[in-house]
Every structure is written in C-alpha cells, then in structure tokens.
Amino acid sequence: MIRPLLTVAVLSACVALTSYISLMTMTGQSLDDEALTQAKADRTNFFPWIFVAAAQHMPELVSIAAAVLALVWTVRTRRWIPALVGLGMILGANLTTQFLKRVLLDKPDYGIQQIVHNSFPSGHTTATATILVALLLVAPPQLRAKTATWGWVLAAMTGMLTVVNGWHRPSDAAAALLVVGAWGVLAVLTIGLADGALSRPGGRPTDAYRRVREKMAVRRGNLLQREDRGESAFIPPAAPRQQQYREQPYQPHQHPGYQQGPSLQYGRPGYGYAAPVRPRLGTVITLVVLAAGLTVTVALLPWPAVAGTGTGRATVIAGYLGIAAASALSWRAVARWLRSLS
C-alpha cells in the first residue's frame, strides 16, 4: 500500500518540478520555446508532406486502435474490474490535466514566448496515453510485456508529434505522461484492493446466489431427516437410513468447479504468469540521464539557443529525450506494480 503511493508521490513531484522549471523560470521558458520553434522548422525542411499529414491524425488513430483492442481483450478475458478501473483512470487523468492547465497553473509573461496562455500539460498526449495504460491494465498476463513496450513507445511518439505539429512544447507532453503514470499506479492499487476484497469468503457477487442455494439445500436435507425419523405424518419412517444420517451429518452441496480465489483468476489459464517488467530499468535510467544532461548542457552554454543552429537542434533533441524518459518512467512504474498482482 505504502510503496505504490510513494511511486505516485515521486511522479507527482516530477510534474511539479517540470512545471516550475518550464513555466516559472526564464531559462525554462526560453528553452521550451526554442525547442518548439526548431521542431516547426524541422517539420517544414526535413519531413515530407505525407508524414506531416499522418502526424496530424496519429493521436486519434492510436487512441482508436488501443480502445478497440482493449475492448476485445476485456470481452475475451472477462476482466471487468480492470476495465472499469481503467475507465476511471482515463477520466481522472484527463480531468487532472485540464485542472492543472486551466485552474491551478498560471504561466508568467516574461516576454519570451510568443504564445502567452498556458498549455501545460498536454491534453492530446494525456488522452492517448491514458487509453494505452488502460490497454495495459486489461492485457492478458502473457502479453503484458509486449503491451507495455509498445505502449510507452507509442505514448512517447504521440508526445513528440504534438511538438512537431506545433500544438505543445516538450515540457507539456512530458508532464502529461507523468500525470498518466501517477494515475496508472493508482489504478493498479485500486485493482489490487478490489481483488483482495473479492477474494474473501463470500466477497464475490456470485457467492450471494450460492449461499441462497446452499441454505435451500440444508433445509431440504433437514426435511428429509425429519421424515426419516418419523416426524412427518405423511411419510413413514425409513429405518435403514436413520443410522446413516446420525453417523454422517448432511453437508451442503458444493459445485465441483468452484474454487475461491482472487477476482483475476476466474478459473482461466494464464493467471499467475509473472510477466517481465517493460521497459527495462536500464532504458529508463539511460533516457533520464541523457535528457537531463543534454538539457543542462544547453542551458549552460554561453550563447543562446536559436532555431536553425546546432544549439537549437540540441534543444529540441533534449525535449524529445525528456518526453521519452517521462513515458518510460511512467510505464515502468505501472508495469512494476501491475506485475505484483500476478
């Protein structure tokens, strides 16, 4: 219980640190704006028109594909609790992003950025990333590693494309992925609590119906015993069966296929499979170190970062690395605690 909440606190602290640097400092605003300007210039100079056209619709296509696959997996595996928790996670993460953007955070105007209004965090990235995390929650255990790998890569690409399309700055997309990661860990914690509650005797919804049938069977058994002992005026006693009931009391009937267990089991194969955690810890550390190191290097250079120069390209590369690092860190956290449910 405590360790997942600490993970949520760490991801939330990363969001707070990112917002302070990118919104409240002149250096952060300058680097963020130069990265966006350089990304727009690269889109015009290096990418063909077909790529630019596809990039405009990439978030919607990824979201639709992930939602359809999540629905198919939910129906096939009957994992209704992770599906419902995933829907709540999608709603909570998107509401958090809009609350941070429109209510809580206010970007001061230092005269650096052309667009003064706050766009932190990215709503486009949040919407797509939450559906990808929901897909990970309902994925079969044997496919969870591949789902996590494709999920964090597609989420990072979506965040980068919002920068290429000119919709958001790199810090907007990185913060959105961290918000999604925090909500994903909370979703895993909620699934674990629900499984614990349903694994208690009588906790599953079908147990209520089973208890009613068992009580009816007990009443029928008691009635038979009364009739065999001559307590009924309509049926004569059956002496040979009296001794049997005295030596072996009546037991309620148990369905042969019933077995009490966590709600994720449902008697299906694959439960208990310990899926490897993806992305790997080394991948996360490498991306975080590269992004932080390149950002600090660009910030400490004596000349300003200008689009079209080597410094400008280093700035946008640092932004892309930051988005990839935030995506890998978030998916690693969700996959790590999701594995503990197996």
Protein backbone atom coordinates (compact mmCIF):
# COMPACT_ATOMS: atom_id res chain seq x y z
CA MET A 1 0.00 0.00 0.00
CA ILE A 2 2.71 2.49 1.01
CA ARG A 3 5.21 1.79 -1.78
CA PRO A 4 2.77 2.39 -4.67
CA LEU A 5 1.71 5.64 -3.02
CA LEU A 6 5.37 6.65 -2.79
CA THR A 7 5.66 5.98 -6.52
CA VAL A 8 2.68 8.25 -7.13
CA ALA A 9 4.30 10.92 -4.94
CA VAL A 10 7.56 10.69 -6.92
CA LEU A 11 5.76 11.05 -10.26
CA SER A 12 3.73 13.96 -8.90
CA ALA A 13 6.92 15.62 -7.67
CA CYS A 14 8.38 15.24 -11.18
CA VAL A 15 5.32 17.02 -12.57
CA ALA A 16 5.73 19.83 -10.03
CA LEU A 17 9.45 20.19 -10.80
CA THR A 18 8.81 20.22 -14.55
CA SER A 19 6.12 22.86 -14.18
CA TYR A 20 8.35 25.09 -12.06
CA ILE A 21 11.30 24.93 -14.45
CA SER A 22 9.34 25.28 -17.69
CA LEU A 23 6.80 27.87 -16.51
CA MET A 24 8.31 29.88 -13.67
CA THR A 25 11.89 30.37 -14.87
CA MET A 26 13.07 32.45 -17.81
CA THR A 27 15.59 29.80 -18.83
CA GLY A 28 12.94 27.11 -18.90
CA GLN A 29 10.53 29.19 -20.96
CA SER A 30 13.31 30.13 -23.38
CA LEU A 31 14.49 26.54 -23.93
CA ASP A 32 10.92 25.28 -24.27
CA ASP A 33 10.03 27.89 -26.85
CA GLU A 34 13.22 27.38 -28.86
CA ALA A 35 12.58 23.64 -28.95
CA LEU A 36 9.10 24.25 -30.33
CA THR A 37 10.43 26.70 -32.94
CA GLN A 38 13.13 24.24 -34.01
CA ALA A 39 10.59 21.41 -34.27
CA LYS A 40 8.38 23.51 -36.55
CA ALA A 41 11.40 24.38 -38.71
CA ASP A 42 12.42 20.72 -38.97
CA ARG A 43 8.88 19.76 -39.96
CA THR A 44 8.98 22.21 -42.85
CA ASN A 45 12.54 21.45 -44.01
CA PHE A 46 13.03 17.72 -43.49
CA PHE A 47 9.73 15.85 -43.34
CA PRO A 48 7.69 15.05 -46.48
CA TRP A 49 4.09 16.14 -46.72
CA ILE A 50 2.78 12.60 -46.23
CA PHE A 51 4.50 12.41 -42.85
CA VAL A 52 3.13 15.80 -41.83
CA ALA A 53 -0.38 14.74 -42.84
CA ALA A 54 -0.10 11.45 -40.93
CA ALA A 55 1.30 13.21 -37.87
CA GLN A 56 -1.83 15.34 -37.63
CA HIS A 57 -4.01 12.25 -37.09
CA MET A 58 -1.57 10.00 -35.26
CA PRO A 59 -3.00 10.57 -31.72
CA GLU A 60 -6.56 9.78 -32.83
CA LEU A 61 -5.54 6.65 -34.74
CA VAL A 62 -3.50 5.29 -31.83
CA SER A 63 -6.32 6.01 -29.39
CA ILE A 64 -8.95 4.27 -31.51
CA ALA A 65 -6.78 1.21 -32.13
CA ALA A 66 -5.89 0.88 -28.44
CA ALA A 67 -9.52 1.31 -27.36
CA VAL A 68 -10.75 -1.39 -29.76
CA LEU A 69 -8.05 -3.82 -28.67
CA ALA A 70 -8.79 -3.12 -25.00
CA LEU A 71 -12.48 -3.87 -25.60
CA VAL A 72 -11.65 -7.15 -27.35
CA TRP A 73 -9.32 -8.26 -24.57
CA THR A 74 -11.85 -7.31 -21.89
CA VAL A 75 -14.60 -9.37 -23.51
CA ARG A 76 -12.35 -12.37 -24.15
CA THR A 77 -10.73 -12.49 -20.70
CA ARG A 78 -13.77 -11.17 -18.76
CA ARG A 79 -11.54 -8.91 -16.69
CA TRP A 80 -14.29 -6.46 -15.86
CA ILE A 81 -12.71 -4.92 -12.78
CA PRO A 82 -9.51 -3.75 -14.56
CA ALA A 83 -11.68 -2.43 -17.39
CA LEU A 84 -13.87 -0.38 -15.03
CA VAL A 85 -10.83 0.88 -13.12
CA GLY A 86 -9.21 1.79 -16.44
CA LEU A 87 -12.21 3.90 -17.38
CA GLY A 88 -11.96 5.71 -14.06
CA MET A 89 -8.24 6.24 -14.63
CA ILE A 90 -8.90 7.76 -18.05
CA LEU A 91 -11.44 10.16 -16.60
CA GLY A 92 -9.27 11.09 -13.60
CA ALA A 93 -6.08 11.71 -15.58
CA ASN A 94 -7.80 13.88 -18.17
CA LEU A 95 -9.61 15.90 -15.52
CA THR A 96 -6.32 16.38 -13.67
CA THR A 97 -4.64 17.64 -16.81
CA GLN A 98 -7.40 20.14 -17.52
CA PHE A 99 -7.45 21.27 -13.88
CA LEU A 100 -3.70 21.89 -13.90
CA LYS A 101 -3.85 23.69 -17.23
CA ARG A 102 -6.90 25.89 -16.75
CA VAL A 103 -7.18 26.41 -12.98
CA LEU A 104 -4.09 25.68 -10.92
CA LEU A 105 -1.11 26.71 -13.04
CA ASP A 106 -0.53 30.23 -14.33
CA LYS A 107 2.39 31.00 -16.62
CA PRO A 108 4.03 34.40 -16.02
CA ASP A 109 4.71 36.53 -19.09
CA TYR A 110 8.43 37.23 -19.35
CA GLY A 111 8.17 38.43 -22.94
CA ILE A 112 9.94 35.28 -24.18
CA GLN A 113 7.25 33.03 -25.61
CA GLN A 114 5.03 34.10 -28.46
CA ILE A 115 2.01 32.21 -27.08
CA VAL A 116 1.33 33.59 -23.61
CA HIS A 117 -1.53 31.33 -22.49
CA ASN A 118 -0.67 28.19 -20.54
CA SER A 119 -0.64 24.87 -22.44
CA PHE A 120 0.93 22.77 -19.64
CA PRO A 121 0.23 19.78 -19.53
CA SER A 122 -0.76 18.44 -22.96
CA GLY A 123 -4.35 17.28 -23.30
CA HIS A 124 -3.66 15.46 -26.59
CA THR A 125 -0.89 13.39 -25.01
CA THR A 126 -2.94 12.67 -21.89
CA ALA A 127 -5.92 11.37 -23.87
CA THR A 128 -3.87 8.93 -25.94
CA ALA A 129 -1.59 7.82 -23.11
CA THR A 130 -4.47 7.01 -20.75
CA ILE A 131 -6.03 4.67 -23.31
CA LEU A 132 -2.67 2.94 -23.76
CA VAL A 133 -2.37 2.47 -19.98
CA ALA A 134 -5.93 1.12 -19.84
CA LEU A 135 -4.91 -1.36 -22.55
CA LEU A 136 -2.03 -2.47 -20.33
CA LEU A 137 -4.39 -2.96 -17.38
CA VAL A 138 -6.67 -5.36 -19.28
CA ALA A 139 -3.91 -7.12 -21.24
CA PRO A 140 -3.53 -10.88 -20.66
CA PRO A 141 -0.52 -11.59 -18.43
CA GLN A 142 1.38 -13.38 -21.19
CA LEU A 143 1.03 -10.31 -23.46
CA ARG A 144 1.67 -7.70 -20.80
CA ALA A 145 5.38 -7.19 -21.56
CA LYS A 146 4.77 -6.57 -25.27
CA THR A 147 1.82 -4.31 -24.46
CA ALA A 148 3.96 -2.24 -22.09
CA THR A 149 6.78 -1.95 -24.63
CA TRP A 150 4.51 -0.81 -27.45
CA GLY A 151 2.57 1.38 -25.05
CA TRP A 152 5.42 3.51 -23.82
CA VAL A 153 6.89 3.82 -27.32
CA LEU A 154 3.59 4.92 -28.86
CA ALA A 155 2.92 7.31 -25.99
CA ALA A 156 6.36 8.87 -26.44
CA MET A 157 5.82 9.17 -30.20
CA THR A 158 2.45 10.83 -29.60
CA GLY A 159 4.04 13.36 -27.28
CA MET A 160 6.80 14.10 -29.79
CA LEU A 161 4.30 14.53 -32.60
CA THR A 162 2.39 17.13 -30.59
CA VAL A 163 5.62 19.13 -30.61
CA VAL A 164 6.23 18.51 -34.33
CA ASN A 165 2.66 19.58 -35.10
CA GLY A 166 3.19 22.79 -33.15
CA TRP A 167 0.46 22.01 -30.62
CA HIS A 168 2.59 21.80 -27.48
CA ARG A 169 6.07 22.36 -26.11
CA PRO A 170 8.19 19.39 -24.93
CA SER A 171 7.53 20.05 -21.24
CA ASP A 172 3.77 19.90 -21.86
CA ALA A 173 3.96 16.39 -23.29
CA ALA A 174 6.44 15.14 -20.67
CA ALA A 175 4.27 16.38 -17.79
CA ALA A 176 1.17 14.79 -19.33
CA LEU A 177 2.90 11.40 -19.44
CA LEU A 178 3.94 11.73 -15.79
CA VAL A 179 0.36 12.56 -14.81
CA VAL A 180 -0.84 9.47 -16.65
CA GLY A 181 1.80 7.38 -14.91
CA ALA A 182 0.66 8.54 -11.48
CA TRP A 183 -2.96 7.72 -12.28
CA GLY A 184 -1.90 4.37 -13.73
CA VAL A 185 -0.23 3.37 -10.46
CA LEU A 186 -3.36 4.44 -8.56
CA ALA A 187 -5.40 2.27 -10.93
CA VAL A 188 -3.19 -0.75 -10.22
CA LEU A 189 -3.53 -0.12 -6.49
CA THR A 190 -7.32 0.04 -6.85
CA ILE A 191 -7.37 -3.26 -8.77
CA GLY A 192 -5.32 -4.89 -6.02
CA LEU A 193 -7.70 -3.66 -3.32
CA ALA A 194 -10.71 -4.88 -5.29
CA ASP A 195 -9.11 -8.29 -5.78
CA GLY A 196 -8.39 -8.51 -2.07
CA ALA A 197 -11.98 -7.70 -1.21
CA LEU A 198 -13.41 -10.19 -3.70
CA SER A 199 -11.02 -12.96 -2.63
CA ARG A 200 -12.51 -13.03 0.88
CA PRO A 201 -15.07 -15.80 1.52
CA GLY A 202 -18.42 -14.55 0.30
CA GLY A 203 -16.94 -11.48 -1.31
CA ARG A 204 -17.71 -12.29 -4.93
CA PRO A 205 -21.12 -11.32 -6.34
CA THR A 206 -21.92 -14.92 -7.30
CA ASP A 207 -21.41 -16.02 -3.69
CA ALA A 208 -24.72 -14.46 -2.66
CA TYR A 209 -26.63 -16.69 -5.09
CA ARG A 210 -24.54 -19.67 -3.99
CA ARG A 211 -25.32 -19.02 -0.33
CA VAL A 212 -29.07 -18.96 -1.07
CA ARG A 213 -28.85 -22.30 -2.87
CA GLU A 214 -26.84 -23.83 -0.03
CA LYS A 215 -29.42 -22.70 2.55
CA MET A 216 -32.18 -24.23 0.45
CA ALA A 217 -30.21 -27.48 0.22
CA VAL A 218 -29.72 -27.51 4.00
CA ARG A 219 -33.45 -27.04 4.53
CA ARG A 220 -34.22 -29.90 2.16
CA GLY A 221 -31.74 -32.10 3.98
CA ASN A 222 -33.23 -31.29 7.35
CA LEU A 223 -36.70 -32.05 6.00
CA LEU A 224 -35.53 -35.46 4.79
CA GLN A 225 -34.06 -36.22 8.20
CA ARG A 226 -37.31 -35.30 9.92
CA GLU A 227 -39.27 -37.53 7.55
CA ASP A 228 -36.87 -40.46 8.04
CA ARG A 229 -37.21 -40.20 11.84
CA GLY A 230 -40.96 -40.39 11.68
CA GLU A 231 -41.65 -36.73 12.38
CA SER A 232 -43.88 -36.42 9.29
CA ALA A 233 -47.48 -37.61 9.31
CA PHE A 234 -47.47 -38.37 5.61
CA ILE A 235 -44.27 -40.38 5.02
CA PRO A 236 -43.48 -43.45 7.14
CA PRO A 237 -40.07 -43.69 8.75
CA ALA A 238 -37.24 -45.29 6.82
CA ALA A 239 -35.28 -47.18 9.49
CA PRO A 240 -32.31 -48.19 7.33
CA ARG A 241 -31.48 -44.52 6.63
CA GLN A 242 -31.66 -43.31 10.23
CA GLN A 243 -28.25 -44.67 11.16
CA GLN A 244 -26.65 -43.15 8.06
CA TYR A 245 -27.85 -39.63 8.92
CA ARG A 246 -26.73 -39.99 12.52
CA GLU A 247 -23.21 -41.07 11.57
CA GLN A 248 -22.75 -38.63 8.63
CA PRO A 249 -24.46 -35.25 9.04
CA TYR A 250 -25.76 -33.57 5.94
CA GLN A 251 -23.26 -31.36 4.08
CA PRO A 252 -24.38 -28.65 1.62
CA HIS A 253 -23.62 -29.35 -1.99
CA GLN A 254 -20.54 -27.65 -3.47
CA HIS A 255 -20.19 -27.09 -7.19
CA PRO A 256 -17.26 -29.21 -8.43
CA GLY A 257 -15.78 -26.36 -10.48
CA TYR A 258 -16.00 -23.71 -7.77
CA GLN A 259 -12.81 -22.50 -6.16
CA GLN A 260 -12.49 -19.37 -4.05
CA GLY A 261 -9.76 -17.04 -5.25
CA PRO A 262 -8.90 -13.58 -6.46
CA SER A 263 -11.18 -11.95 -8.97
CA LEU A 264 -8.46 -12.01 -11.61
CA GLN A 265 -8.37 -15.81 -11.56
CA TYR A 266 -11.87 -16.86 -12.66
CA GLY A 267 -10.50 -20.35 -13.28
CA ARG A 268 -8.81 -19.35 -16.56
CA PRO A 269 -5.27 -20.19 -17.68
CA GLY A 270 -2.60 -17.52 -17.59
CA TYR A 271 -3.27 -16.18 -14.11
CA GLY A 272 -0.14 -16.22 -12.02
CA TYR A 273 2.15 -15.67 -15.00
CA ALA A 274 4.84 -13.25 -13.86
CA ALA A 275 5.25 -11.02 -16.90
CA PRO A 276 8.63 -9.28 -17.20
CA VAL A 277 8.54 -5.56 -16.47
CA ARG A 278 8.95 -3.38 -19.53
CA PRO A 279 10.59 -1.01 -20.25
CA ARG A 280 13.75 -2.17 -18.55
CA LEU A 281 15.21 -0.17 -15.69
CA GLY A 282 18.38 0.44 -17.71
CA THR A 283 16.34 2.00 -20.51
CA VAL A 284 14.64 4.37 -18.09
CA ILE A 285 17.90 5.43 -16.42
CA THR A 286 19.63 5.95 -19.78
CA LEU A 287 16.86 8.17 -21.12
CA VAL A 288 16.61 10.21 -17.91
CA VAL A 289 20.38 10.78 -17.76
CA LEU A 290 20.62 11.73 -21.45
CA ALA A 291 17.66 14.11 -21.26
CA ALA A 292 18.83 15.80 -18.06
CA GLY A 293 22.46 16.00 -19.18
CA LEU A 294 21.69 17.49 -22.58
CA THR A 295 19.21 19.98 -21.11
CA VAL A 296 21.69 21.20 -18.51
CA THR A 297 24.44 21.43 -21.15
CA VAL A 298 22.29 23.56 -23.45
CA ALA A 299 21.20 25.77 -20.55
CA LEU A 300 24.80 26.42 -19.51
CA LEU A 301 26.11 27.29 -22.96
CA PRO A 302 27.30 30.92 -23.22
CA TRP A 303 25.37 31.61 -26.44
CA PRO A 304 21.57 31.49 -26.77
CA ALA A 305 19.71 28.62 -28.38
CA VAL A 306 18.46 29.79 -31.77
CA ALA A 307 16.44 27.72 -34.22
CA GLY A 308 18.48 26.56 -37.17
CA THR A 309 21.74 26.33 -35.24
CA GLY A 310 23.40 23.40 -33.53
CA THR A 311 22.24 24.66 -30.16
CA GLY A 312 18.65 24.84 -31.36
CA ARG A 313 18.74 21.27 -32.61
CA ALA A 314 20.32 20.13 -29.35
CA THR A 315 17.46 21.82 -27.51
CA VAL A 316 14.72 20.02 -29.43
CA ILE A 317 16.59 16.70 -29.11
CA ALA A 318 16.74 17.26 -25.34
CA GLY A 319 12.99 17.85 -25.41
CA TYR A 320 12.35 14.64 -27.31
CA LEU A 321 14.56 12.71 -24.89
CA GLY A 322 12.65 14.23 -21.98
CA ILE A 323 9.36 13.04 -23.45
CA ALA A 324 10.75 9.54 -24.00
CA ALA A 325 12.16 9.48 -20.46
CA ALA A 326 8.82 10.53 -18.94
CA SER A 327 6.99 7.87 -20.94
CA ALA A 328 9.45 5.11 -19.99
CA LEU A 329 9.40 6.12 -16.32
CA SER A 330 5.60 6.14 -16.17
CA TRP A 331 5.14 2.81 -17.95
CA ARG A 332 7.87 1.23 -15.85
CA ALA A 333 6.07 2.29 -12.68
CA VAL A 334 2.70 0.95 -13.86
CA ALA A 335 4.11 -2.34 -15.16
CA ARG A 336 6.17 -2.82 -11.99
CA TRP A 337 3.16 -2.71 -9.68
CA LEU A 338 0.91 -4.50 -12.13
CA ARG A 339 3.33 -7.42 -12.00
CA SER A 340 2.80 -7.69 -8.24
CA LEU A 341 -0.82 -8.70 -8.91
CA SER A 342 0.28 -11.82 -10.84
